[in-house]
Amino acid sequence: MKKVKLDTYEKDMLESFEHGNMKSVITSNDQLQKYRTAARDTFIKDRRVNIRLSTPDLMDIQEKAAEEGLPYQTLIASILHKYVSGKLVERPARRLTAQSTRTGLLRAEF
């Protein structure tokens, strides 16, 4: 399995978990079942979707996925899930002064 780089907060959380310093905030079996069902339903992938992407878009997605340490299909699924659940946050666009990021000619103006 690929080793994931953790930031300081994540390292502290992992250490606390491994030393048994964390306790559950779930107060009932009904609540526990509700969260288990939600988690299971979130990760069930029972549909296949085929889409066509431009080569430059796919290359950008693959590059971003590599930076994040994810398979590019997982990144696409995550983005779609965030969009449909209303959690995809739009940031102001930067003005671009060239056509493509892959040519090395791109300059962003802020």
PDB file of N, CA and C in Angstrom:
ATOM      1  N   MET A   1       0.843  -1.182   0.000  1.00  0.00           N
ATOM      2  CA  MET A   1       0.000   0.000   0.000  1.00  0.00           C
ATOM      3  C   MET A   1       0.885   1.241   0.000  1.00  0.00           C
ATOM      4  N   LYS A   2       0.449   2.271  -0.730  1.00  0.00           N
ATOM      5  CA  LYS A   2       1.205   3.503  -0.838  1.00  0.00           C
ATOM      6  C   LYS A   2       1.197   4.253   0.483  1.00  0.00           C
ATOM      7  N   LYS A   3       2.374   4.739   0.881  1.00  0.00           N
ATOM      8  CA  LYS A   3       2.472   5.486   2.129  1.00  0.00           C
ATOM      9  C   LYS A   3       1.985   6.918   1.888  1.00  0.00           C
ATOM     10  N   VAL A   4       1.086   7.364   2.737  1.00  0.00           N
ATOM     11  CA  VAL A   4       0.483   8.691   2.607  1.00  0.00           C
ATOM     12  C   VAL A   4       1.221   9.659   3.516  1.00  0.00           C
ATOM     13  N   LYS A   5       1.496  10.855   2.979  1.00  0.00           N
ATOM     14  CA  LYS A   5       2.127  11.888   3.800  1.00  0.00           C
ATOM     15  C   LYS A   5       1.050  12.559   4.645  1.00  0.00           C
ATOM     16  N   LEU A   6       1.287  12.627   5.939  1.00  0.00           N
ATOM     17  CA  LEU A   6       0.335  13.241   6.860  1.00  0.00           C
ATOM     18  C   LEU A   6       0.870  14.577   7.334  1.00  0.00           C
ATOM     19  N   ASP A   7      -0.045  15.547   7.487  1.00  0.00           N
ATOM     20  CA  ASP A   7       0.383  16.813   8.071  1.00  0.00           C
ATOM     21  C   ASP A   7       0.409  16.656   9.594  1.00  0.00           C
ATOM     22  N   THR A   8       0.805  17.684  10.307  1.00  0.00           N
ATOM     23  CA  THR A   8       0.967  17.614  11.760  1.00  0.00           C
ATOM     24  C   THR A   8      -0.342  17.236  12.450  1.00  0.00           C
ATOM     25  N   TYR A   9      -1.445  17.847  12.045  1.00  0.00           N
ATOM     26  CA  TYR A   9      -2.750  17.554  12.637  1.00  0.00           C
ATOM     27  C   TYR A   9      -3.114  16.084  12.433  1.00  0.00           C
ATOM     28  N   GLU A  10      -2.925  15.606  11.207  1.00  0.00           N
ATOM     29  CA  GLU A  10      -3.260  14.210  10.912  1.00  0.00           C
ATOM     30  C   GLU A  10      -2.382  13.240  11.703  1.00  0.00           C
ATOM     31  N   LYS A  11      -1.104  13.581  11.861  1.00  0.00           N
ATOM     32  CA  LYS A  11      -0.201  12.745  12.654  1.00  0.00           C
ATOM     33  C   LYS A  11      -0.653  12.688  14.112  1.00  0.00           C
ATOM     34  N   ASP A  12      -1.058  13.836  14.662  1.00  0.00           N
ATOM     35  CA  ASP A  12      -1.557  13.878  16.043  1.00  0.00           C
ATOM     36  C   ASP A  12      -2.817  13.028  16.196  1.00  0.00           C
ATOM     37  N   MET A  13      -3.727  13.122  15.217  1.00  0.00           N
ATOM     38  CA  MET A  13      -4.960  12.336  15.260  1.00  0.00           C
ATOM     39  C   MET A  13      -4.650  10.840  15.201  1.00  0.00           C
ATOM     40  N   LEU A  14      -3.756  10.449  14.309  1.00  0.00           N
ATOM     41  CA  LEU A  14      -3.395   9.039  14.171  1.00  0.00           C
ATOM     42  C   LEU A  14      -2.747   8.526  15.449  1.00  0.00           C
ATOM     43  N   GLU A  15      -1.869   9.315  16.018  1.00  0.00           N
ATOM     44  CA  GLU A  15      -1.202   8.906  17.263  1.00  0.00           C
ATOM     45  C   GLU A  15      -2.218   8.742  18.391  1.00  0.00           C
ATOM     46  N   SER A  16      -3.149   9.668  18.505  1.00  0.00           N
ATOM     47  CA  SER A  16      -4.189   9.574  19.530  1.00  0.00           C
ATOM     48  C   SER A  16      -5.037   8.329  19.333  1.00  0.00           C
ATOM     49  N   PHE A  17      -5.392   8.040  18.085  1.00  0.00           N
ATOM     50  CA  PHE A  17      -6.187   6.852  17.787  1.00  0.00           C
ATOM     51  C   PHE A  17      -5.428   5.584  18.147  1.00  0.00           C
ATOM     52  N   GLU A  18      -4.166   5.536  17.725  1.00  0.00           N
ATOM     53  CA  GLU A  18      -3.366   4.331  17.979  1.00  0.00           C
ATOM     54  C   GLU A  18      -3.117   4.089  19.468  1.00  0.00           C
ATOM     55  N   HIS A  19      -3.109   5.157  20.267  1.00  0.00           N
ATOM     56  CA  HIS A  19      -2.897   5.013  21.712  1.00  0.00           C
ATOM     57  C   HIS A  19      -4.213   4.866  22.485  1.00  0.00           C
ATOM     58  N   GLY A  20      -5.326   4.802  21.774  1.00  0.00           N
ATOM     59  CA  GLY A  20      -6.622   4.606  22.421  1.00  0.00           C
ATOM     60  C   GLY A  20      -7.137   5.828  23.156  1.00  0.00           C
ATOM     61  N   ASN A  21      -6.680   7.002  22.762  1.00  0.00           N
ATOM     62  CA  ASN A  21      -7.081   8.238  23.438  1.00  0.00           C
ATOM     63  C   ASN A  21      -8.358   8.855  22.875  1.00  0.00           C
ATOM     64  N   MET A  22      -8.961   8.222  21.898  1.00  0.00           N
ATOM     65  CA  MET A  22     -10.184   8.762  21.301  1.00  0.00           C
ATOM     66  C   MET A  22     -11.373   7.931  21.756  1.00  0.00           C
ATOM     67  N   LYS A  23     -12.506   8.591  21.943  1.00  0.00           N
ATOM     68  CA  LYS A  23     -13.704   7.852  22.321  1.00  0.00           C
ATOM     69  C   LYS A  23     -14.846   8.240  21.401  1.00  0.00           C
ATOM     70  N   SER A  24     -15.751   7.311  21.202  1.00  0.00           N
ATOM     71  CA  SER A  24     -16.870   7.511  20.301  1.00  0.00           C
ATOM     72  C   SER A  24     -17.839   8.539  20.861  1.00  0.00           C
ATOM     73  N   VAL A  25     -18.397   9.334  19.963  1.00  0.00           N
ATOM     74  CA  VAL A  25     -19.418  10.299  20.362  1.00  0.00           C
ATOM     75  C   VAL A  25     -20.812   9.775  20.035  1.00  0.00           C
ATOM     76  N   ILE A  26     -20.890   8.574  19.487  1.00  0.00           N
ATOM     77  CA  ILE A  26     -22.178   7.954  19.159  1.00  0.00           C
ATOM     78  C   ILE A  26     -22.798   7.446  20.460  1.00  0.00           C
ATOM     79  N   THR A  27     -24.056   7.833  20.683  1.00  0.00           N
ATOM     80  CA  THR A  27     -24.697   7.537  21.965  1.00  0.00           C
ATOM     81  C   THR A  27     -25.697   6.398  21.915  1.00  0.00           C
ATOM     82  N   SER A  28     -26.042   5.912  20.703  1.00  0.00           N
ATOM     83  CA  SER A  28     -27.035   4.836  20.634  1.00  0.00           C
ATOM     84  C   SER A  28     -26.741   3.908  19.466  1.00  0.00           C
ATOM     85  N   ASN A  29     -27.282   2.705  19.541  1.00  0.00           N
ATOM     86  CA  ASN A  29     -27.124   1.757  18.453  1.00  0.00           C
ATOM     87  C   ASN A  29     -27.844   2.230  17.194  1.00  0.00           C
ATOM     88  N   ASP A  30     -28.973   2.931  17.355  1.00  0.00           N
ATOM     89  CA  ASP A  30     -29.700   3.469  16.199  1.00  0.00           C
ATOM     90  C   ASP A  30     -28.834   4.474  15.446  1.00  0.00           C
ATOM     91  N   GLN A  31     -28.177   5.326  16.212  1.00  0.00           N
ATOM     92  CA  GLN A  31     -27.300   6.324  15.616  1.00  0.00           C
ATOM     93  C   GLN A  31     -26.128   5.639  14.907  1.00  0.00           C
ATOM     94  N   LEU A  32     -25.551   4.633  15.536  1.00  0.00           N
ATOM     95  CA  LEU A  32     -24.444   3.886  14.936  1.00  0.00           C
ATOM     96  C   LEU A  32     -24.892   3.239  13.628  1.00  0.00           C
ATOM     97  N   GLN A  33     -26.068   2.621  13.618  1.00  0.00           N
ATOM     98  CA  GLN A  33     -26.575   1.972  12.410  1.00  0.00           C
ATOM     99  C   GLN A  33     -26.808   2.989  11.303  1.00  0.00           C
ATOM    100  N   LYS A  34     -27.311   4.155  11.654  1.00  0.00           N
ATOM    101  CA  LYS A  34     -27.549   5.219  10.679  1.00  0.00           C
ATOM    102  C   LYS A  34     -26.246   5.611   9.985  1.00  0.00           C
ATOM    103  N   TYR A  35     -25.177   5.786  10.760  1.00  0.00           N
ATOM    104  CA  TYR A  35     -23.884   6.176  10.194  1.00  0.00           C
ATOM    105  C   TYR A  35     -23.253   5.039   9.393  1.00  0.00           C
ATOM    106  N   ARG A  36     -23.410   3.804   9.848  1.00  0.00           N
ATOM    107  CA  ARG A  36     -22.894   2.664   9.086  1.00  0.00           C
ATOM    108  C   ARG A  36     -23.581   2.567   7.720  1.00  0.00           C
ATOM    109  N   THR A  37     -24.889   2.744   7.713  1.00  0.00           N
ATOM    110  CA  THR A  37     -25.643   2.679   6.464  1.00  0.00           C
ATOM    111  C   THR A  37     -25.216   3.800   5.523  1.00  0.00           C
ATOM    112  N   ALA A  38     -25.065   4.992   6.048  1.00  0.00           N
ATOM    113  CA  ALA A  38     -24.646   6.132   5.224  1.00  0.00           C
ATOM    114  C   ALA A  38     -23.253   5.892   4.640  1.00  0.00           C
ATOM    115  N   ALA A  39     -22.339   5.373   5.446  1.00  0.00           N
ATOM    116  CA  ALA A  39     -20.980   5.094   4.973  1.00  0.00           C
ATOM    117  C   ALA A  39     -20.999   4.022   3.886  1.00  0.00           C
ATOM    118  N   ARG A  40     -21.747   2.957   4.111  1.00  0.00           N
ATOM    119  CA  ARG A  40     -21.825   1.871   3.132  1.00  0.00           C
ATOM    120  C   ARG A  40     -22.419   2.387   1.822  1.00  0.00           C
ATOM    121  N   ASP A  41     -23.499   3.148   1.901  1.00  0.00           N
ATOM    122  CA  ASP A  41     -24.156   3.656   0.700  1.00  0.00           C
ATOM    123  C   ASP A  41     -23.264   4.637  -0.064  1.00  0.00           C
ATOM    124  N   THR A  42     -22.434   5.360   0.655  1.00  0.00           N
ATOM    125  CA  THR A  42     -21.534   6.320   0.018  1.00  0.00           C
ATOM    126  C   THR A  42     -20.508   5.620  -0.853  1.00  0.00           C
ATOM    127  N   PHE A  43     -20.046   4.467  -0.415  1.00  0.00           N
ATOM    128  CA  PHE A  43     -18.962   3.806  -1.127  1.00  0.00           C
ATOM    129  C   PHE A  43     -19.419   2.712  -2.081  1.00  0.00           C
ATOM    130  N   ILE A  44     -20.714   2.456  -2.154  1.00  0.00           N
ATOM    131  CA  ILE A  44     -21.214   1.467  -3.109  1.00  0.00           C
ATOM    132  C   ILE A  44     -21.212   2.116  -4.487  1.00  0.00           C
ATOM    133  N   LYS A  45     -20.478   1.501  -5.375  1.00  0.00           N
ATOM    134  CA  LYS A  45     -20.423   2.002  -6.748  1.00  0.00           C
ATOM    135  C   LYS A  45     -20.980   0.910  -7.637  1.00  0.00           C
ATOM    136  N   ASP A  46     -22.263   1.020  -7.932  1.00  0.00           N
ATOM    137  CA  ASP A  46     -22.921  -0.042  -8.679  1.00  0.00           C
ATOM    138  C   ASP A  46     -23.282   0.360 -10.113  1.00  0.00           C
ATOM    139  N   ARG A  47     -22.832   1.515 -10.543  1.00  0.00           N
ATOM    140  CA  ARG A  47     -23.122   1.970 -11.904  1.00  0.00           C
ATOM    141  C   ARG A  47     -21.833   2.335 -12.617  1.00  0.00           C
ATOM    142  N   ARG A  48     -21.799   2.041 -13.887  1.00  0.00           N
ATOM    143  CA  ARG A  48     -20.652   2.404 -14.722  1.00  0.00           C
ATOM    144  C   ARG A  48     -21.105   3.524 -15.652  1.00  0.00           C
ATOM    145  N   VAL A  49     -20.261   4.530 -15.811  1.00  0.00           N
ATOM    146  CA  VAL A  49     -20.563   5.652 -16.685  1.00  0.00           C
ATOM    147  C   VAL A  49     -19.382   5.846 -17.622  1.00  0.00           C
ATOM    148  N   ASN A  50     -19.668   6.007 -18.881  1.00  0.00           N
ATOM    149  CA  ASN A  50     -18.627   6.302 -19.868  1.00  0.00           C
ATOM    150  C   ASN A  50     -18.814   7.736 -20.337  1.00  0.00           C
ATOM    151  N   ILE A  51     -17.741   8.507 -20.315  1.00  0.00           N
ATOM    152  CA  ILE A  51     -17.801   9.889 -20.788  1.00  0.00           C
ATOM    153  C   ILE A  51     -16.618  10.134 -21.719  1.00  0.00           C
ATOM    154  N   ARG A  52     -16.796  11.069 -22.595  1.00  0.00           N
ATOM    155  CA  ARG A  52     -15.711  11.477 -23.488  1.00  0.00           C
ATOM    156  C   ARG A  52     -15.163  12.799 -22.973  1.00  0.00           C
ATOM    157  N   LEU A  53     -13.848  12.857 -22.857  1.00  0.00           N
ATOM    158  CA  LEU A  53     -13.166  14.067 -22.423  1.00  0.00           C
ATOM    159  C   LEU A  53     -12.137  14.452 -23.473  1.00  0.00           C
ATOM    160  N   SER A  54     -11.847  15.725 -23.551  1.00  0.00           N
ATOM    161  CA  SER A  54     -10.771  16.134 -24.442  1.00  0.00           C
ATOM    162  C   SER A  54      -9.449  15.637 -23.863  1.00  0.00           C
ATOM    163  N   THR A  55      -8.490  15.391 -24.719  1.00  0.00           N
ATOM    164  CA  THR A  55      -7.179  14.921 -24.261  1.00  0.00           C
ATOM    165  C   THR A  55      -6.554  15.895 -23.267  1.00  0.00           C
ATOM    166  N   PRO A  56      -6.584  17.210 -23.537  1.00  0.00           N
ATOM    167  CA  PRO A  56      -5.996  18.131 -22.555  1.00  0.00           C
ATOM    168  C   PRO A  56      -6.686  18.076 -21.184  1.00  0.00           C
ATOM    169  N   ASP A  57      -8.029  17.971 -21.173  1.00  0.00           N
ATOM    170  CA  ASP A  57      -8.740  17.889 -19.897  1.00  0.00           C
ATOM    171  C   ASP A  57      -8.361  16.620 -19.142  1.00  0.00           C
ATOM    172  N   LEU A  58      -8.299  15.499 -19.857  1.00  0.00           N
ATOM    173  CA  LEU A  58      -7.926  14.245 -19.212  1.00  0.00           C
ATOM    174  C   LEU A  58      -6.506  14.315 -18.670  1.00  0.00           C
ATOM    175  N   MET A  59      -5.606  14.914 -19.433  1.00  0.00           N
ATOM    176  CA  MET A  59      -4.220  15.051 -18.955  1.00  0.00           C
ATOM    177  C   MET A  59      -4.155  15.898 -17.687  1.00  0.00           C
ATOM    178  N   ASP A  60      -4.937  16.973 -17.654  1.00  0.00           N
ATOM    179  CA  ASP A  60      -4.968  17.828 -16.455  1.00  0.00           C
ATOM    180  C   ASP A  60      -5.527  17.073 -15.258  1.00  0.00           C
ATOM    181  N   ILE A  61      -6.594  16.300 -15.495  1.00  0.00           N
ATOM    182  CA  ILE A  61      -7.198  15.510 -14.415  1.00  0.00           C
ATOM    183  C   ILE A  61      -6.206  14.473 -13.901  1.00  0.00           C
ATOM    184  N   GLN A  62      -5.522  13.791 -14.814  1.00  0.00           N
ATOM    185  CA  GLN A  62      -4.538  12.787 -14.410  1.00  0.00           C
ATOM    186  C   GLN A  62      -3.383  13.415 -13.636  1.00  0.00           C
ATOM    187  N   GLU A  63      -2.965  14.591 -14.050  1.00  0.00           N
ATOM    188  CA  GLU A  63      -1.885  15.297 -13.348  1.00  0.00           C
ATOM    189  C   GLU A  63      -2.326  15.680 -11.931  1.00  0.00           C
ATOM    190  N   LYS A  64      -3.537  16.226 -11.818  1.00  0.00           N
ATOM    191  CA  LYS A  64      -4.064  16.622 -10.510  1.00  0.00           C
ATOM    192  C   LYS A  64      -4.227  15.397  -9.608  1.00  0.00           C
ATOM    193  N   ALA A  65      -4.711  14.291 -10.177  1.00  0.00           N
ATOM    194  CA  ALA A  65      -4.883  13.058  -9.408  1.00  0.00           C
ATOM    195  C   ALA A  65      -3.534  12.549  -8.905  1.00  0.00           C
ATOM    196  N   ALA A  66      -2.520  12.618  -9.745  1.00  0.00           N
ATOM    197  CA  ALA A  66      -1.181  12.178  -9.331  1.00  0.00           C
ATOM    198  C   ALA A  66      -0.673  13.041  -8.183  1.00  0.00           C
ATOM    199  N   GLU A  67      -0.915  14.351  -8.247  1.00  0.00           N
ATOM    200  CA  GLU A  67      -0.517  15.250  -7.156  1.00  0.00           C
ATOM    201  C   GLU A  67      -1.202  14.876  -5.849  1.00  0.00           C
ATOM    202  N   GLU A  68      -2.456  14.432  -5.947  1.00  0.00           N
ATOM    203  CA  GLU A  68      -3.236  14.060  -4.774  1.00  0.00           C
ATOM    204  C   GLU A  68      -2.996  12.618  -4.339  1.00  0.00           C
ATOM    205  N   GLY A  69      -2.289  11.837  -5.170  1.00  0.00           N
ATOM    206  CA  GLY A  69      -2.039  10.434  -4.849  1.00  0.00           C
ATOM    207  C   GLY A  69      -3.256   9.552  -5.022  1.00  0.00           C
ATOM    208  N   LEU A  70      -4.109   9.902  -5.999  1.00  0.00           N
ATOM    209  CA  LEU A  70      -5.348   9.163  -6.255  1.00  0.00           C
ATOM    210  C   LEU A  70      -5.377   8.653  -7.688  1.00  0.00           C
ATOM    211  N   PRO A  71      -6.091   7.567  -7.940  1.00  0.00           N
ATOM    212  CA  PRO A  71      -6.379   7.208  -9.331  1.00  0.00           C
ATOM    213  C   PRO A  71      -7.275   8.300  -9.934  1.00  0.00           C
ATOM    214  N   TYR A  72      -7.086   8.591 -11.217  1.00  0.00           N
ATOM    215  CA  TYR A  72      -7.847   9.700 -11.795  1.00  0.00           C
ATOM    216  C   TYR A  72      -9.349   9.427 -11.814  1.00  0.00           C
ATOM    217  N   GLN A  73      -9.759   8.146 -11.932  1.00  0.00           N
ATOM    218  CA  GLN A  73     -11.189   7.833 -11.910  1.00  0.00           C
ATOM    219  C   GLN A  73     -11.789   8.175 -10.548  1.00  0.00           C
ATOM    220  N   THR A  74     -11.024   7.944  -9.475  1.00  0.00           N
ATOM    221  CA  THR A  74     -11.483   8.270  -8.126  1.00  0.00           C
ATOM    222  C   THR A  74     -11.635   9.778  -7.969  1.00  0.00           C
ATOM    223  N   LEU A  75     -10.700  10.539  -8.522  1.00  0.00           N
ATOM    224  CA  LEU A  75     -10.797  12.000  -8.461  1.00  0.00           C
ATOM    225  C   LEU A  75     -12.046  12.482  -9.191  1.00  0.00           C
ATOM    226  N   ILE A  76     -12.310  11.941 -10.379  1.00  0.00           N
ATOM    227  CA  ILE A  76     -13.503  12.333 -11.131  1.00  0.00           C
ATOM    228  C   ILE A  76     -14.764  12.011 -10.342  1.00  0.00           C
ATOM    229  N   ALA A  77     -14.821  10.804  -9.764  1.00  0.00           N
ATOM    230  CA  ALA A  77     -15.992  10.403  -8.971  1.00  0.00           C
ATOM    231  C   ALA A  77     -16.167  11.325  -7.773  1.00  0.00           C
ATOM    232  N   SER A  78     -15.065  11.703  -7.130  1.00  0.00           N
ATOM    233  CA  SER A  78     -15.128  12.594  -5.974  1.00  0.00           C
ATOM    234  C   SER A  78     -15.655  13.973  -6.366  1.00  0.00           C
ATOM    235  N   ILE A  79     -15.172  14.486  -7.463  1.00  0.00           N
ATOM    236  CA  ILE A  79     -15.633  15.802  -7.935  1.00  0.00           C
ATOM    237  C   ILE A  79     -17.125  15.759  -8.253  1.00  0.00           C
ATOM    238  N   LEU A  80     -17.562  14.710  -8.931  1.00  0.00           N
ATOM    239  CA  LEU A  80     -18.988  14.586  -9.254  1.00  0.00           C
ATOM    240  C   LEU A  80     -19.831  14.467  -7.994  1.00  0.00           C
ATOM    241  N   HIS A  81     -19.356  13.688  -7.026  1.00  0.00           N
ATOM    242  CA  HIS A  81     -20.095  13.536  -5.772  1.00  0.00           C
ATOM    243  C   HIS A  81     -20.204  14.878  -5.037  1.00  0.00           C
ATOM    244  N   LYS A  82     -19.106  15.614  -4.974  1.00  0.00           N
ATOM    245  CA  LYS A  82     -19.139  16.927  -4.315  1.00  0.00           C
ATOM    246  C   LYS A  82     -20.104  17.863  -5.032  1.00  0.00           C
ATOM    247  N   TYR A  83     -20.132  17.804  -6.361  1.00  0.00           N
ATOM    248  CA  TYR A  83     -21.027  18.668  -7.123  1.00  0.00           C
ATOM    249  C   TYR A  83     -22.497  18.363  -6.819  1.00  0.00           C
ATOM    250  N   VAL A  84     -22.870  17.092  -6.908  1.00  0.00           N
ATOM    251  CA  VAL A  84     -24.282  16.750  -6.722  1.00  0.00           C
ATOM    252  C   VAL A  84     -24.728  16.900  -5.273  1.00  0.00           C
ATOM    253  N   SER A  85     -23.784  16.843  -4.328  1.00  0.00           N
ATOM    254  CA  SER A  85     -24.156  17.006  -2.923  1.00  0.00           C
ATOM    255  C   SER A  85     -24.047  18.465  -2.467  1.00  0.00           C
ATOM    256  N   GLY A  86     -23.700  19.360  -3.402  1.00  0.00           N
ATOM    257  CA  GLY A  86     -23.632  20.783  -3.082  1.00  0.00           C
ATOM    258  C   GLY A  86     -22.396  21.182  -2.304  1.00  0.00           C
ATOM    259  N   LYS A  87     -21.381  20.333  -2.287  1.00  0.00           N
ATOM    260  CA  LYS A  87     -20.174  20.623  -1.514  1.00  0.00           C
ATOM    261  C   LYS A  87     -19.005  21.085  -2.368  1.00  0.00           C
ATOM    262  N   LEU A  88     -19.212  21.196  -3.671  1.00  0.00           N
ATOM    263  CA  LEU A  88     -18.152  21.668  -4.553  1.00  0.00           C
ATOM    264  C   LEU A  88     -18.107  23.179  -4.436  1.00  0.00           C
ATOM    265  N   VAL A  89     -16.993  23.705  -3.986  1.00  0.00           N
ATOM    266  CA  VAL A  89     -16.854  25.135  -3.733  1.00  0.00           C
ATOM    267  C   VAL A  89     -16.219  25.793  -4.942  1.00  0.00           C
ATOM    268  N   GLU A  90     -16.892  26.802  -5.463  1.00  0.00           N
ATOM    269  CA  GLU A  90     -16.367  27.524  -6.611  1.00  0.00           C
ATOM    270  C   GLU A  90     -15.451  28.637  -6.130  1.00  0.00           C
ATOM    271  N   ARG A  91     -14.292  28.698  -6.750  1.00  0.00           N
ATOM    272  CA  ARG A  91     -13.345  29.764  -6.431  1.00  0.00           C
ATOM    273  C   ARG A  91     -13.299  30.723  -7.607  1.00  0.00           C
ATOM    274  N   PRO A  92     -12.996  31.989  -7.349  1.00  0.00           N
ATOM    275  CA  PRO A  92     -12.893  32.935  -8.468  1.00  0.00           C
ATOM    276  C   PRO A  92     -11.840  32.459  -9.460  1.00  0.00           C
ATOM    277  N   ALA A  93     -12.158  32.572 -10.735  1.00  0.00           N
ATOM    278  CA  ALA A  93     -11.222  32.139 -11.774  1.00  0.00           C
ATOM    279  C   ALA A  93     -10.089  33.144 -11.905  1.00  0.00           C
ATOM    280  N   ARG A  94      -8.942  32.619 -12.289  1.00  0.00           N
ATOM    281  CA  ARG A  94      -7.810  33.487 -12.606  1.00  0.00           C
ATOM    282  C   ARG A  94      -7.860  33.776 -14.096  1.00  0.00           C
ATOM    283  N   ARG A  95      -7.460  34.972 -14.483  1.00  0.00           N
ATOM    284  CA  ARG A  95      -7.395  35.290 -15.907  1.00  0.00           C
ATOM    285  C   ARG A  95      -6.174  34.624 -16.505  1.00  0.00           C
ATOM    286  N   LEU A  96      -6.376  33.931 -17.594  1.00  0.00           N
ATOM    287  CA  LEU A  96      -5.279  33.227 -18.242  1.00  0.00           C
ATOM    288  C   LEU A  96      -4.827  34.016 -19.461  1.00  0.00           C
ATOM    289  N   THR A  97      -3.526  34.021 -19.687  1.00  0.00           N
ATOM    290  CA  THR A  97      -3.001  34.794 -20.808  1.00  0.00           C
ATOM    291  C   THR A  97      -2.474  33.914 -21.931  1.00  0.00           C
ATOM    292  N   ALA A  98      -2.683  32.601 -21.847  1.00  0.00           N
ATOM    293  CA  ALA A  98      -2.278  31.708 -22.936  1.00  0.00           C
ATOM    294  C   ALA A  98      -3.281  30.573 -23.044  1.00  0.00           C
ATOM    295  N   GLN A  99      -3.163  29.754 -24.065  1.00  0.00           N
ATOM    296  CA  GLN A  99      -4.130  28.719 -24.349  1.00  0.00           C
ATOM    297  C   GLN A  99      -4.061  27.515 -23.425  1.00  0.00           C
ATOM    298  N   SER A 100      -2.884  26.974 -23.163  1.00  0.00           N
ATOM    299  CA  SER A 100      -2.804  25.670 -22.531  1.00  0.00           C
ATOM    300  C   SER A 100      -1.784  25.645 -21.407  1.00  0.00           C
ATOM    301  N   THR A 101      -2.116  24.933 -20.333  1.00  0.00           N
ATOM    302  CA  THR A 101      -1.162  24.759 -19.243  1.00  0.00           C
ATOM    303  C   THR A 101      -0.049  23.813 -19.648  1.00  0.00           C
ATOM    304  N   ARG A 102      -0.302  22.926 -20.590  1.00  0.00           N
ATOM    305  CA  ARG A 102       0.684  21.917 -20.969  1.00  0.00           C
ATOM    306  C   ARG A 102       1.786  22.487 -21.852  1.00  0.00           C
ATOM    307  N   THR A 103       1.593  23.642 -22.447  1.00  0.00           N
ATOM    308  CA  THR A 103       2.610  24.197 -23.332  1.00  0.00           C
ATOM    309  C   THR A 103       3.669  24.972 -22.576  1.00  0.00           C
ATOM    310  N   GLY A 104       3.392  25.265 -21.322  1.00  0.00           N
ATOM    311  CA  GLY A 104       4.331  26.059 -20.550  1.00  0.00           C
ATOM    312  C   GLY A 104       4.185  27.545 -20.813  1.00  0.00           C
ATOM    313  N   LEU A 105       3.196  27.917 -21.625  1.00  0.00           N
ATOM    314  CA  LEU A 105       3.009  29.320 -21.985  1.00  0.00           C
ATOM    315  C   LEU A 105       1.989  30.026 -21.104  1.00  0.00           C
ATOM    316  N   LEU A 106       1.446  29.305 -20.191  1.00  0.00           N
ATOM    317  CA  LEU A 106       0.359  29.845 -19.382  1.00  0.00           C
ATOM    318  C   LEU A 106       0.887  30.784 -18.300  1.00  0.00           C
ATOM    319  N   ARG A 107       0.254  31.927 -18.193  1.00  0.00           N
ATOM    320  CA  ARG A 107       0.551  32.833 -17.094  1.00  0.00           C
ATOM    321  C   ARG A 107      -0.775  33.284 -16.498  1.00  0.00           C
ATOM    322  N   ALA A 108      -0.893  33.206 -15.201  1.00  0.00           N
ATOM    323  CA  ALA A 108      -2.127  33.639 -14.543  1.00  0.00           C
ATOM    324  C   ALA A 108      -1.942  35.046 -14.028  1.00  0.00           C
ATOM    325  N   GLU A 109      -2.972  35.847 -14.179  1.00  0.00           N
ATOM    326  CA  GLU A 109      -2.967  37.191 -13.635  1.00  0.00           C
ATOM    327  C   GLU A 109      -3.934  37.247 -12.472  1.00  0.00           C
ATOM    328  N   PHE A 110      -3.486  37.775 -11.346  1.00  0.00           N
ATOM    329  CA  PHE A 110      -4.321  37.843 -10.154  1.00  0.00           C
ATOM    330  C   PHE A 110      -4.794  39.252  -9.916  1.00  0.00           C
TER     331      PHE A 110
END
